[in-house]
Amino acid sequence: MEHDELIRPLPELLKAHAATAPSRVAFADDLRGVTYAEPERRTGRLTAYLARTGLACGDRVAICLGNHVERVESVLAVLRAGAIGVPLNPRSSDAELAHFLQDSGAWVVVTDPAQLARLHPLAAPGEARPRVLLTGTGPISRTPASAR
């Protein structure tokens, strides 16, 4: 095997594994496992969506998800889009998340229903709220109107 075969962009490696071992489990969390074919397809769709939002190469995308399949797929999609992923710890305090969002310059946030209510009010006054891409399963908890 040549040295060039070992060093390739991650999205290219995912595509190669999807072609050669589509039914092999790529990664798993506590709830489910996914084969190489599944994240190849889903990250492609998320990458296309990110491009339609106007995301440019080098833009930042915050990812506030737990250790689930969706986190891995979001990171891969951000890489495929040529953007910079900003991983956020959903266990951070509201003040920490607000700081990280503002400091990172992310204008897109990928999160799940469990984190949506926490992230919604964190935009600084006068600043545009980042676009939110919702992933995962579960009920969407809405921020009460009085808290907005």
N, C-alpha and C. Protein backbone atom coordinates (compact mmCIF):
# COMPACT_ATOMS: atom_id res chain seq x y z
N MET A 1 0.85 -1.18 0.00
CA MET A 1 0.00 0.00 0.00
C MET A 1 0.90 1.24 0.00
N GLU A 2 0.62 2.14 -0.89
CA GLU A 2 1.39 3.37 -0.96
C GLU A 2 1.00 4.32 0.16
N HIS A 3 1.94 5.21 0.48
CA HIS A 3 1.71 6.20 1.53
C HIS A 3 0.51 7.10 1.20
N ASP A 4 0.33 7.44 -0.07
CA ASP A 4 -0.79 8.30 -0.50
C ASP A 4 -2.15 7.66 -0.20
N GLU A 5 -2.19 6.34 -0.18
CA GLU A 5 -3.44 5.64 0.10
C GLU A 5 -3.86 5.81 1.56
N LEU A 6 -2.90 6.04 2.43
CA LEU A 6 -3.19 6.15 3.86
C LEU A 6 -3.65 7.55 4.25
N ILE A 7 -3.22 8.55 3.52
CA ILE A 7 -3.55 9.93 3.87
C ILE A 7 -4.51 10.48 2.81
N ARG A 8 -5.77 10.50 3.19
CA ARG A 8 -6.81 11.02 2.30
C ARG A 8 -7.81 11.78 3.15
N PRO A 9 -8.54 12.71 2.54
CA PRO A 9 -9.57 13.43 3.30
C PRO A 9 -10.60 12.47 3.87
N LEU A 10 -11.07 12.77 5.06
CA LEU A 10 -12.04 11.91 5.74
C LEU A 10 -13.30 11.64 4.90
N PRO A 11 -13.90 12.66 4.27
CA PRO A 11 -15.08 12.37 3.44
C PRO A 11 -14.78 11.39 2.30
N GLU A 12 -13.57 11.47 1.76
CA GLU A 12 -13.17 10.53 0.70
C GLU A 12 -13.07 9.11 1.25
N LEU A 13 -12.52 8.98 2.44
CA LEU A 13 -12.43 7.66 3.07
C LEU A 13 -13.81 7.07 3.35
N LEU A 14 -14.72 7.91 3.82
CA LEU A 14 -16.08 7.45 4.08
C LEU A 14 -16.73 6.95 2.79
N LYS A 15 -16.55 7.68 1.72
CA LYS A 15 -17.12 7.29 0.43
C LYS A 15 -16.52 5.96 -0.05
N ALA A 16 -15.22 5.80 0.13
CA ALA A 16 -14.56 4.56 -0.28
C ALA A 16 -15.08 3.38 0.54
N HIS A 17 -15.24 3.56 1.85
CA HIS A 17 -15.77 2.48 2.68
C HIS A 17 -17.23 2.19 2.33
N ALA A 18 -18.00 3.20 2.00
CA ALA A 18 -19.40 2.98 1.61
C ALA A 18 -19.48 2.16 0.32
N ALA A 19 -18.49 2.34 -0.55
CA ALA A 19 -18.48 1.60 -1.81
C ALA A 19 -17.99 0.16 -1.62
N THR A 20 -17.00 -0.04 -0.75
CA THR A 20 -16.42 -1.38 -0.61
C THR A 20 -17.07 -2.23 0.49
N ALA A 21 -17.64 -1.58 1.50
CA ALA A 21 -18.25 -2.33 2.61
C ALA A 21 -19.51 -1.62 3.08
N PRO A 22 -20.50 -1.49 2.21
CA PRO A 22 -21.68 -0.69 2.55
C PRO A 22 -22.49 -1.22 3.74
N SER A 23 -22.45 -2.50 4.00
CA SER A 23 -23.26 -3.05 5.09
C SER A 23 -22.47 -3.23 6.39
N ARG A 24 -21.21 -2.87 6.39
CA ARG A 24 -20.38 -2.98 7.60
C ARG A 24 -20.69 -1.81 8.54
N VAL A 25 -20.76 -2.08 9.84
CA VAL A 25 -21.07 -1.04 10.82
C VAL A 25 -19.91 -0.06 10.90
N ALA A 26 -20.22 1.20 10.70
CA ALA A 26 -19.21 2.26 10.73
C ALA A 26 -19.01 2.78 12.15
N PHE A 27 -20.11 3.05 12.85
CA PHE A 27 -20.06 3.50 14.24
C PHE A 27 -21.44 3.30 14.86
N ALA A 28 -21.45 3.35 16.19
CA ALA A 28 -22.69 3.09 16.92
C ALA A 28 -22.72 3.91 18.19
N ASP A 29 -23.94 4.17 18.66
CA ASP A 29 -24.11 4.80 19.97
C ASP A 29 -24.94 3.83 20.81
N ASP A 30 -25.46 4.31 21.93
CA ASP A 30 -26.23 3.44 22.81
C ASP A 30 -27.55 2.98 22.20
N LEU A 31 -28.05 3.71 21.20
CA LEU A 31 -29.36 3.41 20.63
C LEU A 31 -29.31 2.64 19.32
N ARG A 32 -28.26 2.91 18.51
CA ARG A 32 -28.24 2.27 17.20
C ARG A 32 -26.84 2.32 16.59
N GLY A 33 -26.66 1.47 15.60
CA GLY A 33 -25.44 1.49 14.81
C GLY A 33 -25.79 1.82 13.38
N VAL A 34 -24.84 2.37 12.65
CA VAL A 34 -25.07 2.70 11.24
C VAL A 34 -23.96 2.09 10.40
N THR A 35 -24.35 1.66 9.22
CA THR A 35 -23.38 1.10 8.28
C THR A 35 -22.69 2.23 7.53
N TYR A 36 -21.62 1.92 6.82
CA TYR A 36 -20.91 2.94 6.06
C TYR A 36 -21.79 3.58 4.99
N ALA A 37 -22.73 2.85 4.45
CA ALA A 37 -23.60 3.41 3.41
C ALA A 37 -24.53 4.49 3.98
N GLU A 38 -24.99 4.31 5.21
CA GLU A 38 -25.95 5.26 5.78
C GLU A 38 -25.36 6.66 6.01
N PRO A 39 -24.24 6.81 6.72
CA PRO A 39 -23.73 8.18 6.90
C PRO A 39 -23.23 8.80 5.60
N GLU A 40 -22.79 7.99 4.66
CA GLU A 40 -22.39 8.53 3.35
C GLU A 40 -23.58 9.24 2.70
N ARG A 41 -24.73 8.60 2.75
CA ARG A 41 -25.94 9.16 2.15
C ARG A 41 -26.44 10.37 2.95
N ARG A 42 -26.53 10.23 4.27
CA ARG A 42 -27.08 11.31 5.10
C ARG A 42 -26.15 12.52 5.19
N THR A 43 -24.84 12.29 5.27
CA THR A 43 -23.94 13.44 5.30
C THR A 43 -23.96 14.17 3.97
N GLY A 44 -24.18 13.45 2.89
CA GLY A 44 -24.30 14.10 1.58
C GLY A 44 -25.51 15.03 1.54
N ARG A 45 -26.62 14.57 2.10
CA ARG A 45 -27.84 15.42 2.13
C ARG A 45 -27.63 16.63 3.03
N LEU A 46 -27.01 16.45 4.18
CA LEU A 46 -26.78 17.58 5.08
C LEU A 46 -25.78 18.56 4.46
N THR A 47 -24.77 18.05 3.79
CA THR A 47 -23.81 18.92 3.10
C THR A 47 -24.51 19.77 2.05
N ALA A 48 -25.39 19.15 1.28
CA ALA A 48 -26.14 19.90 0.25
C ALA A 48 -27.03 20.96 0.90
N TYR A 49 -27.66 20.62 2.02
CA TYR A 49 -28.50 21.59 2.71
C TYR A 49 -27.66 22.77 3.20
N LEU A 50 -26.51 22.48 3.79
CA LEU A 50 -25.63 23.54 4.27
C LEU A 50 -25.22 24.46 3.12
N ALA A 51 -24.94 23.89 1.97
CA ALA A 51 -24.56 24.71 0.81
C ALA A 51 -25.72 25.60 0.38
N ARG A 52 -26.95 25.09 0.44
CA ARG A 52 -28.12 25.90 0.06
C ARG A 52 -28.37 27.05 1.03
N THR A 53 -27.90 26.92 2.27
CA THR A 53 -28.08 28.02 3.23
C THR A 53 -27.11 29.16 2.97
N GLY A 54 -26.14 28.94 2.10
CA GLY A 54 -25.15 29.96 1.81
C GLY A 54 -23.84 29.75 2.56
N LEU A 55 -23.71 28.62 3.24
CA LEU A 55 -22.49 28.32 3.97
C LEU A 55 -21.32 28.28 2.99
N ALA A 56 -20.26 28.98 3.30
CA ALA A 56 -19.08 29.02 2.44
C ALA A 56 -17.93 28.27 3.09
N CYS A 57 -16.96 27.93 2.28
CA CYS A 57 -15.76 27.26 2.77
C CYS A 57 -15.13 28.13 3.86
N GLY A 58 -14.84 27.51 5.00
CA GLY A 58 -14.23 28.23 6.11
C GLY A 58 -15.21 28.82 7.11
N ASP A 59 -16.52 28.83 6.78
CA ASP A 59 -17.51 29.29 7.76
C ASP A 59 -17.57 28.30 8.91
N ARG A 60 -18.05 28.79 10.04
CA ARG A 60 -18.12 27.95 11.23
C ARG A 60 -19.54 27.44 11.48
N VAL A 61 -19.60 26.18 11.89
CA VAL A 61 -20.86 25.53 12.22
C VAL A 61 -20.71 24.94 13.62
N ALA A 62 -21.52 25.42 14.56
CA ALA A 62 -21.50 24.87 15.91
C ALA A 62 -22.31 23.58 15.94
N ILE A 63 -21.81 22.60 16.65
CA ILE A 63 -22.49 21.31 16.77
C ILE A 63 -22.68 21.04 18.25
N CYS A 64 -23.93 21.14 18.70
CA CYS A 64 -24.25 20.94 20.11
C CYS A 64 -25.12 19.69 20.24
N LEU A 65 -24.46 18.56 20.28
CA LEU A 65 -25.12 17.26 20.35
C LEU A 65 -24.36 16.37 21.32
N GLY A 66 -25.06 15.42 21.90
CA GLY A 66 -24.42 14.44 22.77
C GLY A 66 -23.64 13.43 21.95
N ASN A 67 -23.13 12.42 22.60
CA ASN A 67 -22.36 11.38 21.92
C ASN A 67 -23.30 10.40 21.23
N HIS A 68 -23.79 10.84 20.08
CA HIS A 68 -24.74 10.04 19.31
C HIS A 68 -24.30 9.99 17.86
N VAL A 69 -24.91 9.13 17.11
CA VAL A 69 -24.63 8.99 15.68
C VAL A 69 -24.77 10.34 14.97
N GLU A 70 -25.76 11.12 15.35
CA GLU A 70 -25.99 12.41 14.69
C GLU A 70 -24.81 13.36 14.85
N ARG A 71 -24.11 13.28 15.95
CA ARG A 71 -22.93 14.13 16.15
C ARG A 71 -21.84 13.78 15.14
N VAL A 72 -21.56 12.50 15.00
CA VAL A 72 -20.54 12.06 14.04
C VAL A 72 -20.94 12.46 12.62
N GLU A 73 -22.20 12.22 12.27
CA GLU A 73 -22.66 12.57 10.92
C GLU A 73 -22.60 14.08 10.69
N SER A 74 -22.91 14.87 11.70
CA SER A 74 -22.85 16.32 11.56
C SER A 74 -21.41 16.79 11.33
N VAL A 75 -20.48 16.23 12.08
CA VAL A 75 -19.07 16.58 11.91
C VAL A 75 -18.61 16.23 10.50
N LEU A 76 -18.97 15.04 10.03
CA LEU A 76 -18.59 14.63 8.68
C LEU A 76 -19.20 15.53 7.61
N ALA A 77 -20.46 15.92 7.79
CA ALA A 77 -21.12 16.79 6.81
C ALA A 77 -20.47 18.17 6.78
N VAL A 78 -20.11 18.69 7.94
CA VAL A 78 -19.45 20.00 8.00
C VAL A 78 -18.10 19.92 7.27
N LEU A 79 -17.36 18.83 7.49
CA LEU A 79 -16.10 18.64 6.77
C LEU A 79 -16.32 18.58 5.26
N ARG A 80 -17.34 17.82 4.85
CA ARG A 80 -17.64 17.70 3.42
C ARG A 80 -17.99 19.05 2.81
N ALA A 81 -18.60 19.93 3.60
CA ALA A 81 -18.99 21.25 3.11
C ALA A 81 -17.82 22.22 3.09
N GLY A 82 -16.68 21.81 3.63
CA GLY A 82 -15.52 22.69 3.67
C GLY A 82 -15.59 23.72 4.78
N ALA A 83 -16.50 23.52 5.71
CA ALA A 83 -16.67 24.45 6.83
C ALA A 83 -15.84 23.98 8.03
N ILE A 84 -15.86 24.77 9.07
CA ILE A 84 -15.12 24.46 10.29
C ILE A 84 -16.13 24.10 11.38
N GLY A 85 -16.01 22.90 11.91
CA GLY A 85 -16.90 22.46 12.97
C GLY A 85 -16.46 23.01 14.32
N VAL A 86 -17.44 23.47 15.08
CA VAL A 86 -17.19 23.98 16.43
C VAL A 86 -17.97 23.08 17.39
N PRO A 87 -17.31 22.05 17.94
CA PRO A 87 -18.04 21.15 18.83
C PRO A 87 -18.33 21.82 20.16
N LEU A 88 -19.58 21.79 20.56
CA LEU A 88 -20.01 22.35 21.84
C LEU A 88 -20.46 21.21 22.74
N ASN A 89 -20.15 21.33 24.01
CA ASN A 89 -20.55 20.33 24.98
C ASN A 89 -21.95 20.67 25.48
N PRO A 90 -22.94 19.83 25.25
CA PRO A 90 -24.29 20.13 25.72
C PRO A 90 -24.39 20.20 27.24
N ARG A 91 -23.37 19.75 27.94
CA ARG A 91 -23.36 19.84 29.41
C ARG A 91 -22.80 21.16 29.91
N SER A 92 -22.35 22.02 28.99
CA SER A 92 -21.84 23.33 29.39
C SER A 92 -22.97 24.17 29.96
N SER A 93 -22.60 25.14 30.76
CA SER A 93 -23.60 26.06 31.31
C SER A 93 -24.12 26.96 30.19
N ASP A 94 -25.24 27.61 30.42
CA ASP A 94 -25.79 28.54 29.44
C ASP A 94 -24.80 29.67 29.14
N ALA A 95 -24.13 30.16 30.18
CA ALA A 95 -23.15 31.24 30.00
C ALA A 95 -21.98 30.77 29.13
N GLU A 96 -21.53 29.54 29.36
CA GLU A 96 -20.43 29.01 28.55
C GLU A 96 -20.87 28.83 27.09
N LEU A 97 -22.05 28.26 26.89
CA LEU A 97 -22.54 28.08 25.52
C LEU A 97 -22.69 29.42 24.80
N ALA A 98 -23.23 30.41 25.49
CA ALA A 98 -23.39 31.73 24.89
C ALA A 98 -22.03 32.30 24.48
N HIS A 99 -21.04 32.17 25.36
CA HIS A 99 -19.69 32.65 25.04
C HIS A 99 -19.11 31.91 23.83
N PHE A 100 -19.21 30.59 23.83
CA PHE A 100 -18.65 29.81 22.74
C PHE A 100 -19.32 30.15 21.41
N LEU A 101 -20.63 30.31 21.43
CA LEU A 101 -21.34 30.66 20.19
C LEU A 101 -20.89 32.02 19.67
N GLN A 102 -20.82 33.00 20.56
CA GLN A 102 -20.42 34.34 20.14
C GLN A 102 -18.96 34.36 19.69
N ASP A 103 -18.09 33.74 20.46
CA ASP A 103 -16.66 33.75 20.17
C ASP A 103 -16.33 33.00 18.88
N SER A 104 -17.05 31.94 18.59
CA SER A 104 -16.75 31.11 17.42
C SER A 104 -17.15 31.78 16.11
N GLY A 105 -18.15 32.65 16.17
CA GLY A 105 -18.65 33.25 14.94
C GLY A 105 -19.52 32.31 14.13
N ALA A 106 -19.95 31.21 14.73
CA ALA A 106 -20.80 30.25 14.01
C ALA A 106 -22.14 30.89 13.69
N TRP A 107 -22.57 30.77 12.46
CA TRP A 107 -23.89 31.28 12.10
C TRP A 107 -24.88 30.16 11.79
N VAL A 108 -24.39 28.93 11.96
CA VAL A 108 -25.26 27.76 11.88
C VAL A 108 -24.98 26.91 13.11
N VAL A 109 -26.05 26.40 13.72
CA VAL A 109 -25.92 25.49 14.86
C VAL A 109 -26.70 24.22 14.55
N VAL A 110 -26.03 23.08 14.69
CA VAL A 110 -26.70 21.79 14.55
C VAL A 110 -26.93 21.28 15.96
N THR A 111 -28.19 20.99 16.28
CA THR A 111 -28.52 20.54 17.62
C THR A 111 -29.72 19.59 17.56
N ASP A 112 -30.15 19.14 18.70
CA ASP A 112 -31.30 18.24 18.78
C ASP A 112 -32.41 18.89 19.60
N PRO A 113 -33.59 18.30 19.61
CA PRO A 113 -34.71 18.90 20.35
C PRO A 113 -34.41 19.16 21.82
N ALA A 114 -33.60 18.31 22.44
CA ALA A 114 -33.31 18.48 23.87
C ALA A 114 -32.53 19.76 24.14
N GLN A 115 -31.71 20.21 23.20
CA GLN A 115 -30.88 21.39 23.41
C GLN A 115 -31.47 22.66 22.82
N LEU A 116 -32.49 22.53 22.00
CA LEU A 116 -33.05 23.68 21.28
C LEU A 116 -33.51 24.78 22.23
N ALA A 117 -34.24 24.44 23.27
CA ALA A 117 -34.77 25.45 24.20
C ALA A 117 -33.63 26.19 24.91
N ARG A 118 -32.54 25.51 25.18
CA ARG A 118 -31.40 26.16 25.83
C ARG A 118 -30.67 27.10 24.89
N LEU A 119 -30.52 26.71 23.64
CA LEU A 119 -29.73 27.51 22.71
C LEU A 119 -30.49 28.71 22.17
N HIS A 120 -31.80 28.61 22.08
CA HIS A 120 -32.61 29.67 21.47
C HIS A 120 -32.37 31.05 22.09
N PRO A 121 -32.38 31.20 23.40
CA PRO A 121 -32.23 32.55 23.97
C PRO A 121 -30.79 33.03 24.13
N LEU A 122 -29.80 32.28 23.66
CA LEU A 122 -28.41 32.62 23.95
C LEU A 122 -27.79 33.67 23.04
N ALA A 123 -28.45 34.08 21.98
CA ALA A 123 -27.88 35.11 21.11
C ALA A 123 -27.80 36.42 21.89
N ALA A 124 -26.68 37.12 21.71
CA ALA A 124 -26.49 38.40 22.39
C ALA A 124 -27.47 39.42 21.83
N PRO A 125 -27.90 40.36 22.66
CA PRO A 125 -28.82 41.40 22.18
C PRO A 125 -28.22 42.14 20.99
N GLY A 126 -29.03 42.33 19.98
CA GLY A 126 -28.60 43.04 18.78
C GLY A 126 -27.88 42.18 17.76
N GLU A 127 -27.53 40.95 18.11
CA GLU A 127 -26.86 40.06 17.17
C GLU A 127 -27.88 39.14 16.52
N ALA A 128 -27.58 38.79 15.30
CA ALA A 128 -28.46 37.85 14.59
C ALA A 128 -28.33 36.48 15.23
N ARG A 129 -29.45 35.82 15.36
CA ARG A 129 -29.42 34.45 15.88
C ARG A 129 -28.90 33.53 14.77
N PRO A 130 -28.10 32.54 15.16
CA PRO A 130 -27.63 31.60 14.14
C PRO A 130 -28.79 30.75 13.63
N ARG A 131 -28.65 30.28 12.40
CA ARG A 131 -29.63 29.33 11.87
C ARG A 131 -29.49 28.04 12.65
N VAL A 132 -30.60 27.40 12.91
CA VAL A 132 -30.58 26.15 13.67
C VAL A 132 -31.02 25.02 12.76
N LEU A 133 -30.19 23.98 12.70
CA LEU A 133 -30.53 22.75 12.00
C LEU A 133 -30.83 21.72 13.07
N LEU A 134 -32.03 21.21 13.07
CA LEU A 134 -32.48 20.28 14.10
C LEU A 134 -32.32 18.85 13.61
N THR A 135 -31.72 18.02 14.44
CA THR A 135 -31.51 16.63 14.09
C THR A 135 -31.92 15.74 15.26
N GLY A 136 -31.92 14.47 15.06
CA GLY A 136 -32.24 13.54 16.14
C GLY A 136 -33.73 13.32 16.29
N THR A 137 -34.07 12.68 17.39
CA THR A 137 -35.46 12.35 17.67
C THR A 137 -35.86 12.94 19.00
N GLY A 138 -37.13 12.93 19.27
CA GLY A 138 -37.63 13.41 20.55
C GLY A 138 -38.48 14.64 20.37
N PRO A 139 -39.23 14.98 21.40
CA PRO A 139 -40.11 16.14 21.30
C PRO A 139 -39.32 17.44 21.32
N ILE A 140 -39.82 18.42 20.61
CA ILE A 140 -39.20 19.74 20.60
C ILE A 140 -39.76 20.52 21.77
N SER A 141 -38.87 20.91 22.68
CA SER A 141 -39.33 21.71 23.81
C SER A 141 -39.21 23.17 23.42
N ARG A 142 -40.29 23.88 23.48
CA ARG A 142 -40.35 25.27 23.07
C ARG A 142 -40.02 26.20 24.25
N THR A 143 -39.37 27.30 23.94
CA THR A 143 -39.12 28.30 24.96
C THR A 143 -40.41 29.06 25.19
N PRO A 144 -40.87 29.19 26.44
CA PRO A 144 -42.10 29.92 26.70
C PRO A 144 -41.98 31.36 26.20
N ALA A 145 -43.09 31.91 25.70
CA ALA A 145 -43.08 33.26 25.15
C ALA A 145 -42.58 34.27 26.16
N SER A 146 -42.85 34.07 27.43
CA SER A 146 -42.42 35.03 28.46
C SER A 146 -40.90 35.03 28.63
N ALA A 147 -40.24 33.95 28.22
CA ALA A 147 -38.79 33.87 28.37
C ALA A 147 -38.04 34.41 27.16
N ARG A 148 -38.74 34.78 26.11
CA ARG A 148 -38.07 35.27 24.89
C ARG A 148 -37.71 36.71 24.99
